[in-house]
């Protein structure tokens, strides 16, 4: 069995709504960066940006064959839903 990959996600907007972006970083069990991505996502709310960061992270993990993920977020909304 493969060890889980940790993925740290974040989304933010300047204004709410306003210009927004996402960031995603994947780390292996030793803390080595496996991949990172960031993207401008247009004008949207902070909550939408947080959710899109998760969606992009899951899509990227699937494309790379990483099936065991530990997701880390600072979004209380995401964590509780």
N, C-alpha and C. Protein backbone atom coordinates (compact mmCIF):
# COMPACT_ATOMS: atom_id res chain seq x y z
N UNK A 1 0.84 -1.19 0.00
CA UNK A 1 0.00 0.00 0.00
C UNK A 1 0.88 1.25 0.00
N UNK A 2 0.53 2.20 -0.81
CA UNK A 2 1.27 3.46 -0.88
C UNK A 2 0.94 4.36 0.30
N UNK A 3 1.93 5.14 0.71
CA UNK A 3 1.68 6.12 1.77
C UNK A 3 0.82 7.25 1.21
N UNK A 4 0.06 7.84 2.09
CA UNK A 4 -0.80 8.95 1.67
C UNK A 4 0.03 10.16 1.29
N UNK A 5 -0.44 10.86 0.30
CA UNK A 5 0.14 12.14 -0.10
C UNK A 5 -0.64 13.22 0.64
N UNK A 6 0.07 14.18 1.21
CA UNK A 6 -0.58 15.31 1.87
C UNK A 6 -0.77 16.41 0.84
N UNK A 7 -1.93 17.03 0.86
CA UNK A 7 -2.19 18.14 -0.03
C UNK A 7 -2.68 19.32 0.80
N UNK A 8 -2.01 20.44 0.64
CA UNK A 8 -2.37 21.68 1.31
C UNK A 8 -3.06 22.57 0.29
N UNK A 9 -4.26 23.04 0.63
CA UNK A 9 -5.04 23.83 -0.31
C UNK A 9 -5.43 25.16 0.31
N UNK A 10 -5.60 26.16 -0.56
CA UNK A 10 -6.10 27.45 -0.10
C UNK A 10 -6.71 28.18 -1.28
N UNK A 11 -7.70 28.98 -0.98
CA UNK A 11 -8.31 29.85 -1.97
C UNK A 11 -8.55 31.19 -1.31
N UNK A 12 -8.49 32.25 -2.10
CA UNK A 12 -8.67 33.59 -1.53
C UNK A 12 -9.19 34.54 -2.60
N UNK A 13 -9.86 35.58 -2.14
CA UNK A 13 -10.29 36.64 -3.04
C UNK A 13 -9.97 37.99 -2.39
N UNK A 14 -9.74 38.97 -3.24
CA UNK A 14 -9.53 40.34 -2.78
C UNK A 14 -10.87 41.04 -2.95
N UNK A 15 -11.56 41.24 -1.85
CA UNK A 15 -12.96 41.65 -1.90
C UNK A 15 -13.78 40.36 -1.89
N UNK A 16 -15.05 40.50 -1.66
CA UNK A 16 -15.87 39.28 -1.58
C UNK A 16 -17.25 39.55 -2.15
N UNK A 17 -17.44 39.43 -3.47
CA UNK A 17 -16.53 38.82 -4.45
C UNK A 17 -15.47 39.80 -4.93
N UNK A 18 -14.48 39.21 -5.59
CA UNK A 18 -13.40 39.99 -6.16
C UNK A 18 -12.43 39.06 -6.87
N UNK A 19 -11.33 39.60 -7.38
CA UNK A 19 -10.33 38.77 -8.05
C UNK A 19 -9.87 37.66 -7.10
N UNK A 20 -9.81 36.43 -7.60
CA UNK A 20 -9.54 35.30 -6.72
C UNK A 20 -8.53 34.34 -7.33
N UNK A 21 -7.93 33.55 -6.46
CA UNK A 21 -6.98 32.55 -6.91
C UNK A 21 -6.94 31.38 -5.95
N UNK A 22 -6.28 30.32 -6.40
CA UNK A 22 -6.13 29.13 -5.58
C UNK A 22 -4.67 28.71 -5.56
N UNK A 23 -4.31 27.95 -4.53
CA UNK A 23 -2.99 27.36 -4.42
C UNK A 23 -3.10 25.95 -3.87
N UNK A 24 -2.29 25.05 -4.43
CA UNK A 24 -2.31 23.64 -4.03
C UNK A 24 -0.88 23.14 -3.98
N UNK A 25 -0.50 22.47 -2.89
CA UNK A 25 0.84 21.89 -2.77
C UNK A 25 0.70 20.44 -2.28
N UNK A 26 1.35 19.52 -3.00
CA UNK A 26 1.37 18.11 -2.63
C UNK A 26 2.72 17.76 -2.03
N UNK A 27 2.70 17.06 -0.89
CA UNK A 27 3.93 16.63 -0.23
C UNK A 27 3.88 15.12 0.00
N UNK A 28 5.06 14.48 -0.08
CA UNK A 28 5.12 13.06 0.27
C UNK A 28 5.27 12.93 1.78
N UNK A 29 5.39 11.69 2.26
CA UNK A 29 5.46 11.42 3.70
C UNK A 29 6.69 12.03 4.36
N UNK A 30 7.70 12.38 3.57
CA UNK A 30 8.93 12.96 4.10
C UNK A 30 8.95 14.49 4.01
N UNK A 31 7.85 15.06 3.51
CA UNK A 31 7.77 16.51 3.39
C UNK A 31 8.35 17.06 2.11
N UNK A 32 8.69 16.19 1.17
CA UNK A 32 9.22 16.63 -0.11
C UNK A 32 8.07 17.08 -1.01
N UNK A 33 8.23 18.24 -1.64
CA UNK A 33 7.20 18.75 -2.54
C UNK A 33 7.15 17.88 -3.80
N UNK A 34 5.98 17.35 -4.07
CA UNK A 34 5.77 16.52 -5.26
C UNK A 34 5.23 17.35 -6.42
N UNK A 35 4.39 18.31 -6.10
CA UNK A 35 3.80 19.17 -7.13
C UNK A 35 3.17 20.37 -6.46
N UNK A 36 3.07 21.44 -7.22
CA UNK A 36 2.36 22.61 -6.73
C UNK A 36 1.68 23.29 -7.91
N UNK A 37 0.55 23.87 -7.64
CA UNK A 37 -0.14 24.59 -8.69
C UNK A 37 -0.83 25.79 -8.08
N UNK A 38 -0.98 26.80 -8.89
CA UNK A 38 -1.70 28.00 -8.49
C UNK A 38 -2.39 28.51 -9.73
N UNK A 39 -3.50 29.19 -9.52
CA UNK A 39 -4.28 29.60 -10.68
C UNK A 39 -5.16 30.79 -10.31
N UNK A 40 -5.21 31.75 -11.20
CA UNK A 40 -6.18 32.84 -11.10
C UNK A 40 -7.51 32.28 -11.58
N UNK A 41 -8.56 32.49 -10.83
CA UNK A 41 -9.86 31.90 -11.20
C UNK A 41 -10.93 32.94 -11.50
N UNK A 42 -10.53 34.19 -11.66
CA UNK A 42 -11.49 35.24 -12.00
C UNK A 42 -12.12 35.85 -10.76
N UNK A 43 -13.21 36.57 -10.97
CA UNK A 43 -13.91 37.22 -9.86
C UNK A 43 -14.89 36.23 -9.23
N UNK A 44 -14.72 36.00 -7.95
CA UNK A 44 -15.62 35.11 -7.23
C UNK A 44 -15.48 35.38 -5.73
N UNK A 45 -16.18 34.61 -4.94
CA UNK A 45 -16.11 34.77 -3.49
C UNK A 45 -14.98 33.91 -2.90
N UNK A 46 -14.64 34.23 -1.67
CA UNK A 46 -13.62 33.46 -0.97
C UNK A 46 -14.05 31.99 -0.82
N UNK A 47 -15.32 31.76 -0.49
CA UNK A 47 -15.79 30.39 -0.30
C UNK A 47 -15.70 29.58 -1.59
N UNK A 48 -16.06 30.18 -2.71
CA UNK A 48 -15.95 29.48 -3.99
C UNK A 48 -14.49 29.17 -4.28
N UNK A 49 -13.61 30.10 -3.99
CA UNK A 49 -12.18 29.86 -4.21
C UNK A 49 -11.67 28.70 -3.36
N UNK A 50 -12.11 28.62 -2.12
CA UNK A 50 -11.71 27.50 -1.25
C UNK A 50 -12.17 26.17 -1.83
N UNK A 51 -13.41 26.11 -2.27
CA UNK A 51 -13.93 24.87 -2.86
C UNK A 51 -13.23 24.51 -4.16
N UNK A 52 -12.95 25.51 -5.00
CA UNK A 52 -12.26 25.22 -6.25
C UNK A 52 -10.84 24.72 -6.01
N UNK A 53 -10.20 25.19 -4.96
CA UNK A 53 -8.87 24.68 -4.62
C UNK A 53 -8.96 23.18 -4.33
N UNK A 54 -9.98 22.77 -3.61
CA UNK A 54 -10.17 21.35 -3.32
C UNK A 54 -10.44 20.56 -4.60
N UNK A 55 -11.31 21.07 -5.46
CA UNK A 55 -11.63 20.39 -6.72
C UNK A 55 -10.38 20.23 -7.57
N UNK A 56 -9.61 21.29 -7.73
CA UNK A 56 -8.38 21.20 -8.52
C UNK A 56 -7.39 20.21 -7.91
N UNK A 57 -7.29 20.20 -6.58
CA UNK A 57 -6.38 19.26 -5.91
C UNK A 57 -6.80 17.81 -6.17
N UNK A 58 -8.09 17.54 -6.07
CA UNK A 58 -8.57 16.18 -6.30
C UNK A 58 -8.38 15.76 -7.76
N UNK A 59 -8.63 16.67 -8.68
CA UNK A 59 -8.43 16.35 -10.10
C UNK A 59 -6.95 16.06 -10.39
N UNK A 60 -6.07 16.86 -9.83
CA UNK A 60 -4.63 16.66 -10.05
C UNK A 60 -4.15 15.35 -9.43
N UNK A 61 -4.62 15.06 -8.23
CA UNK A 61 -4.24 13.81 -7.57
C UNK A 61 -4.70 12.61 -8.40
N UNK A 62 -5.90 12.66 -8.90
CA UNK A 62 -6.43 11.58 -9.72
C UNK A 62 -5.60 11.41 -11.00
N UNK A 63 -5.27 12.51 -11.63
CA UNK A 63 -4.47 12.46 -12.86
C UNK A 63 -3.08 11.86 -12.62
N UNK A 64 -2.55 12.05 -11.42
CA UNK A 64 -1.22 11.53 -11.09
C UNK A 64 -1.27 10.15 -10.45
N UNK A 65 -2.47 9.63 -10.22
CA UNK A 65 -2.62 8.30 -9.65
C UNK A 65 -2.46 8.25 -8.14
N UNK A 66 -2.57 9.39 -7.48
CA UNK A 66 -2.46 9.43 -6.02
C UNK A 66 -3.85 9.22 -5.44
N UNK A 67 -4.10 8.04 -4.92
CA UNK A 67 -5.44 7.69 -4.46
C UNK A 67 -5.63 7.87 -2.95
N UNK A 68 -4.56 7.93 -2.20
CA UNK A 68 -4.65 8.12 -0.74
C UNK A 68 -4.17 9.54 -0.43
N UNK A 69 -5.10 10.40 -0.04
CA UNK A 69 -4.77 11.80 0.22
C UNK A 69 -5.14 12.20 1.64
N UNK A 70 -4.32 13.04 2.21
CA UNK A 70 -4.66 13.74 3.44
C UNK A 70 -4.77 15.21 3.04
N UNK A 71 -5.96 15.76 3.16
CA UNK A 71 -6.21 17.14 2.74
C UNK A 71 -6.09 18.06 3.94
N UNK A 72 -5.31 19.13 3.78
CA UNK A 72 -5.13 20.14 4.82
C UNK A 72 -5.66 21.47 4.30
N UNK A 73 -6.51 22.11 5.09
CA UNK A 73 -7.08 23.39 4.70
C UNK A 73 -7.22 24.29 5.93
N UNK A 74 -7.20 25.58 5.71
CA UNK A 74 -7.47 26.51 6.79
C UNK A 74 -8.91 26.99 6.75
N UNK A 75 -9.69 26.43 5.84
CA UNK A 75 -11.08 26.84 5.68
C UNK A 75 -11.98 26.05 6.63
N UNK A 76 -12.55 26.73 7.61
CA UNK A 76 -13.48 26.09 8.53
C UNK A 76 -14.70 25.55 7.78
N UNK A 77 -15.15 26.30 6.78
CA UNK A 77 -16.30 25.87 5.98
C UNK A 77 -16.03 24.52 5.32
N UNK A 78 -14.90 24.40 4.65
CA UNK A 78 -14.56 23.12 4.00
C UNK A 78 -14.37 22.00 5.02
N UNK A 79 -13.66 22.27 6.06
CA UNK A 79 -13.34 21.24 7.06
C UNK A 79 -14.60 20.68 7.71
N UNK A 80 -15.59 21.52 7.93
CA UNK A 80 -16.80 21.07 8.62
C UNK A 80 -17.85 20.48 7.67
N UNK A 81 -17.71 20.73 6.38
CA UNK A 81 -18.67 20.16 5.44
C UNK A 81 -18.09 18.90 4.86
